């Protein structure tokens, strides 16, 4: 049986113009709508509400910069090695957006979906907390090595969502339910980190769990370009390399014959 021909709704070219979905790029988008507005429409297939734009902007700003983290270090080192290849340096940093750093909102959102699907959300939240404690696995969306007792970014993001009357608050409440269960099971307060809050906020505006990490990629790309801009002004790549080279000593294999 012949497979149907794939189609796309995203873009069409003509000799005299271009369309993004059903909008004329030149006459209806350029100079008329913001990047966030058009980006959301392209990804979600619907025009964003004002509340969607406020939430997405807050998320993109939150995730854009985290200092000299693995993604930024990778970008700086690759740029030092190949300064003619800016996009390669940015892509190297983007590859670090995953289940341990920056992209953990996807993992956290999956837990929130479990709670929302349960007829007993408090019991489900406790079961999740017990499982993670017993296996000593990393809790996605929770804990931070610097921000204690709370992550100020997550507090601000949750407060932003809670004051939006158009949002159902289901994902935010699921996050808070999970936080309460985790504190009880672990016997101490564990902060909700920025990506945990991001998971709840993106869920509130209908972003599918498996697309959430894409927003981290978009945001972090802008941040990594700023690291390259700084690298051009005040290079640090070689300094990072040389310090690592000195800090990690060579140890001869004692079993070698």
Protein backbone atom coordinates (compact mmCIF):
# COMPACT_ATOMS: atom_id res chain seq x y z
CA UNK A 1 0.00 0.00 0.00
CA UNK A 2 1.39 3.36 -1.01
CA UNK A 3 2.16 5.69 1.86
CA UNK A 4 0.49 9.11 1.75
CA UNK A 5 2.71 11.98 0.64
CA UNK A 6 3.94 13.97 3.68
CA UNK A 7 2.76 17.55 3.95
CA UNK A 8 3.83 20.64 5.90
CA UNK A 9 1.88 23.59 7.25
CA UNK A 10 4.91 25.56 8.38
CA UNK A 11 6.17 27.44 5.35
CA UNK A 12 5.66 28.00 1.62
CA UNK A 13 7.77 29.91 -0.93
CA UNK A 14 6.68 31.66 -4.10
CA UNK A 15 8.60 33.76 -6.61
CA UNK A 16 7.43 36.93 -4.91
CA UNK A 17 7.09 36.03 -1.23
CA UNK A 18 6.88 33.56 1.61
CA UNK A 19 4.25 32.34 4.05
CA UNK A 20 4.63 31.17 7.64
CA UNK A 21 1.59 28.94 8.08
CA UNK A 22 -1.32 31.09 6.82
CA UNK A 23 0.44 34.44 7.27
CA UNK A 24 2.34 36.46 4.69
CA UNK A 25 5.84 36.84 6.10
CA UNK A 26 6.55 40.24 4.57
CA UNK A 27 3.18 41.93 4.98
CA UNK A 28 1.78 40.31 8.13
CA UNK A 29 4.72 39.27 10.31
CA UNK A 30 7.89 41.30 9.76
CA UNK A 31 7.56 44.47 11.78
CA UNK A 32 4.06 43.48 12.91
CA UNK A 33 4.57 40.66 15.41
CA UNK A 34 7.29 39.72 17.90
CA UNK A 35 9.68 36.81 17.64
CA UNK A 36 8.06 35.05 20.64
CA UNK A 37 4.62 35.47 19.08
CA UNK A 38 5.64 33.96 15.73
CA UNK A 39 7.76 31.25 17.34
CA UNK A 40 4.86 30.10 19.51
CA UNK A 41 2.50 30.08 16.53
CA UNK A 42 4.94 28.03 14.45
CA UNK A 43 5.50 25.47 17.21
CA UNK A 44 1.97 25.17 18.57
CA UNK A 45 -0.12 25.90 15.48
CA UNK A 46 -2.20 28.55 17.21
CA UNK A 47 -1.89 32.25 17.91
CA UNK A 48 -0.70 32.78 21.48
CA UNK A 49 -2.84 34.52 24.04
CA UNK A 50 -1.25 37.39 25.98
CA UNK A 51 -0.81 35.04 28.94
CA UNK A 52 1.04 32.55 26.72
CA UNK A 53 3.49 35.25 25.66
CA UNK A 54 4.07 36.36 29.24
CA UNK A 55 4.79 32.81 30.37
CA UNK A 56 7.02 31.93 27.40
CA UNK A 57 9.02 35.14 27.75
CA UNK A 58 9.52 34.46 31.47
CA UNK A 59 10.70 30.93 30.70
CA UNK A 60 13.07 32.00 27.90
CA UNK A 61 14.63 34.69 30.09
CA UNK A 62 15.05 32.25 32.98
CA UNK A 63 16.82 29.58 30.91
CA UNK A 64 18.98 31.83 28.75
CA UNK A 65 21.96 32.16 31.09
CA UNK A 66 23.43 29.97 33.81
CA UNK A 67 27.04 31.20 33.86
CA UNK A 68 30.04 29.00 33.15
CA UNK A 69 28.13 25.73 33.15
CA UNK A 70 29.04 22.70 30.97
CA UNK A 71 27.16 24.06 27.94
CA UNK A 72 28.88 27.45 28.09
CA UNK A 73 32.30 25.89 28.70
CA UNK A 74 31.83 23.55 25.72
CA UNK A 75 30.87 26.50 23.52
CA UNK A 76 33.89 28.55 24.60
CA UNK A 77 36.34 25.69 24.10
CA UNK A 78 34.99 24.81 20.66
CA UNK A 79 35.05 28.47 19.64
CA UNK A 80 38.67 28.69 20.81
CA UNK A 81 39.48 25.70 18.60
CA UNK A 82 37.46 26.83 15.57
CA UNK A 83 36.67 30.56 15.73
CA UNK A 84 35.54 30.53 12.10
CA UNK A 85 32.66 28.23 13.11
CA UNK A 86 30.37 30.17 15.46
CA UNK A 87 27.41 27.88 14.79
CA UNK A 88 29.52 24.83 15.61
CA UNK A 89 30.46 26.31 18.97
CA UNK A 90 26.82 27.08 19.77
CA UNK A 91 25.72 23.60 18.71
CA UNK A 92 28.36 22.06 20.99
CA UNK A 93 26.83 23.86 23.94
CA UNK A 94 23.30 22.98 22.89
CA UNK A 95 24.22 19.28 23.04
CA UNK A 96 24.59 19.67 26.81
CA UNK A 97 20.87 20.52 27.17
CA UNK A 98 19.72 17.18 28.52
CA UNK A 99 18.39 15.15 31.42
CA UNK A 100 21.00 16.42 33.89
CA UNK A 101 21.35 20.11 33.02
CA UNK A 102 18.97 22.70 31.53
CA UNK A 103 16.63 20.19 29.89
CA UNK A 104 15.34 18.53 33.06
CA UNK A 105 11.91 20.19 32.77
CA UNK A 106 10.91 17.36 30.43
CA UNK A 107 11.66 14.75 33.09
CA UNK A 108 9.87 16.77 35.77
CA UNK A 109 6.84 17.35 33.53
CA UNK A 110 6.46 13.58 33.12
CA UNK A 111 6.15 13.28 36.91
CA UNK A 112 3.57 16.06 37.02
CA UNK A 113 1.56 14.25 34.33
CA UNK A 114 1.53 11.14 36.51
CA UNK A 115 0.13 13.16 39.41
CA UNK A 116 -2.48 14.85 37.22
CA UNK A 117 -3.62 11.51 35.78
CA UNK A 118 -4.03 9.94 39.22
CA UNK A 119 -7.32 9.82 41.11
CA UNK A 120 -5.27 10.18 44.29
CA UNK A 121 -2.66 12.89 43.49
CA UNK A 122 -1.20 13.10 47.01
CA UNK A 123 -0.65 9.33 47.12
CA UNK A 124 0.90 9.36 43.64
CA UNK A 125 3.21 12.21 44.62
CA UNK A 126 4.32 10.32 47.70
CA UNK A 127 4.89 7.15 45.67
CA UNK A 128 7.11 9.13 43.29
CA UNK A 129 9.10 10.59 46.18
CA UNK A 130 9.55 7.19 47.84
CA UNK A 131 10.69 5.61 44.57
CA UNK A 132 13.33 8.27 43.96
CA UNK A 133 14.60 8.09 47.53
CA UNK A 134 14.86 4.30 47.50
CA UNK A 135 16.73 4.22 44.20
CA UNK A 136 18.80 7.31 45.11
CA UNK A 137 18.02 8.68 41.66
CA UNK A 138 18.24 12.35 40.76
CA UNK A 139 14.95 14.18 41.31
CA UNK A 140 14.26 16.15 38.10
CA UNK A 141 13.14 19.67 38.87
CA UNK A 142 14.30 19.58 42.48
CA UNK A 143 17.47 20.51 44.33
CA UNK A 144 20.19 23.00 43.56
CA UNK A 145 23.83 23.12 44.62
CA UNK A 146 23.77 26.89 45.18
CA UNK A 147 20.21 28.07 45.83
CA UNK A 148 19.07 27.09 49.33
CA UNK A 149 16.60 26.84 50.97
CA UNK A 150 14.73 27.97 47.83
CA UNK A 151 15.60 28.85 44.26
CA UNK A 152 14.55 32.51 43.81
CA UNK A 153 13.88 31.89 40.11
CA UNK A 154 11.34 29.17 40.80
CA UNK A 155 9.62 31.27 43.47
CA UNK A 156 9.21 34.10 40.97
CA UNK A 157 8.01 31.84 38.16
CA UNK A 158 5.42 30.12 40.35
CA UNK A 159 4.21 33.48 41.64
CA UNK A 160 3.87 34.72 38.05
CA UNK A 161 1.76 31.71 37.14
CA UNK A 162 -0.42 31.95 40.24
CA UNK A 163 -1.43 35.52 39.50
CA UNK A 164 -2.60 34.61 35.99
CA UNK A 165 -6.34 34.02 36.33
CA UNK A 166 -6.52 32.44 32.85
CA UNK A 167 -4.30 29.53 33.84
CA UNK A 168 -5.97 26.46 35.38
CA UNK A 169 -3.14 26.09 37.96
CA UNK A 170 -3.27 22.29 37.61
CA UNK A 171 0.41 21.82 36.78
CA UNK A 172 1.51 24.39 39.35
CA UNK A 173 -0.56 22.66 42.04
CA UNK A 174 0.82 19.27 40.99
CA UNK A 175 4.35 20.65 41.36
CA UNK A 176 3.56 22.00 44.83
CA UNK A 177 1.94 18.68 45.79
CA UNK A 178 5.07 16.83 44.67
CA UNK A 179 7.28 19.28 46.54
CA UNK A 180 5.28 18.70 49.75
CA UNK A 181 5.55 14.93 49.32
CA UNK A 182 9.28 15.08 48.65
CA UNK A 183 9.91 17.18 51.75
CA UNK A 184 7.93 14.69 53.83
CA UNK A 185 9.63 11.58 52.46
CA UNK A 186 13.15 13.01 52.56
CA UNK A 187 12.62 14.62 55.97
CA UNK A 188 13.95 17.98 54.84
CA UNK A 189 13.08 20.81 52.49
CA UNK A 190 14.31 20.32 48.93
CA UNK A 191 13.97 23.35 46.71
CA UNK A 192 12.06 23.41 43.47
CA UNK A 193 14.67 24.49 40.94
CA UNK A 194 14.13 26.64 37.86
CA UNK A 195 13.47 23.78 35.47
CA UNK A 196 10.91 22.32 37.85
CA UNK A 197 9.00 25.59 37.80
CA UNK A 198 9.43 25.81 34.02
CA UNK A 199 7.85 22.37 33.64
CA UNK A 200 4.77 23.55 35.51
CA UNK A 201 4.50 26.85 33.64
CA UNK A 202 4.85 25.34 30.19
CA UNK A 203 2.33 22.69 31.15
CA UNK A 204 -0.11 25.42 32.17
CA UNK A 205 -0.11 26.87 28.65
CA UNK A 206 -0.43 23.52 26.94
CA UNK A 207 3.13 22.82 25.81
CA UNK A 208 3.47 19.02 25.35
CA UNK A 209 6.01 17.39 27.64
CA UNK A 210 8.11 16.13 24.72
CA UNK A 211 8.43 19.66 23.29
CA UNK A 212 9.44 21.43 26.51
CA UNK A 213 13.16 20.85 26.09
CA UNK A 214 12.92 22.67 22.77
CA UNK A 215 12.22 25.91 24.62
CA UNK A 216 15.40 25.37 26.63
CA UNK A 217 17.30 24.88 23.35
CA UNK A 218 15.89 28.12 21.90
CA UNK A 219 16.68 30.10 25.02
CA UNK A 220 20.12 28.63 25.64
CA UNK A 221 21.18 29.29 22.03
CA UNK A 222 20.83 33.02 22.71
CA UNK A 223 22.84 32.69 25.91
CA UNK A 224 25.61 30.78 24.15
CA UNK A 225 25.91 33.47 21.48
CA UNK A 226 26.49 35.93 24.32
CA UNK A 227 29.29 33.68 25.64
CA UNK A 228 30.88 33.76 22.19
CA UNK A 229 30.54 37.55 22.12
CA UNK A 230 32.36 37.72 25.45
CA UNK A 231 34.92 35.19 24.25
CA UNK A 232 35.68 37.49 21.32
CA UNK A 233 36.29 40.42 23.67
CA UNK A 234 38.03 38.63 26.54
CA UNK A 235 39.02 35.07 25.62
CA UNK A 236 38.87 32.47 28.39
CA UNK A 237 38.92 29.20 26.44
CA UNK A 238 42.66 28.65 26.70
CA UNK A 239 42.60 29.64 30.38
CA UNK A 240 39.91 27.02 31.06
CA UNK A 241 41.85 24.40 29.11
CA UNK A 242 45.17 25.10 30.81
CA UNK A 243 43.65 25.12 34.30
CA UNK A 244 41.93 21.78 33.72
CA UNK A 245 45.16 20.36 32.31
CA UNK A 246 47.00 21.40 35.48
CA UNK A 247 44.23 20.44 37.91
CA UNK A 248 43.85 16.84 36.76
CA UNK A 249 47.17 15.02 37.30
CA UNK A 250 48.46 12.17 35.22
CA UNK A 251 48.61 8.91 37.19
CA UNK A 252 50.57 6.02 35.75
CA UNK A 253 48.62 2.75 35.60
CA UNK A 254 50.15 0.65 38.40
CA UNK A 255 49.05 -2.62 36.79
CA UNK A 256 50.94 -1.89 33.58
CA UNK A 257 53.82 -4.27 32.91
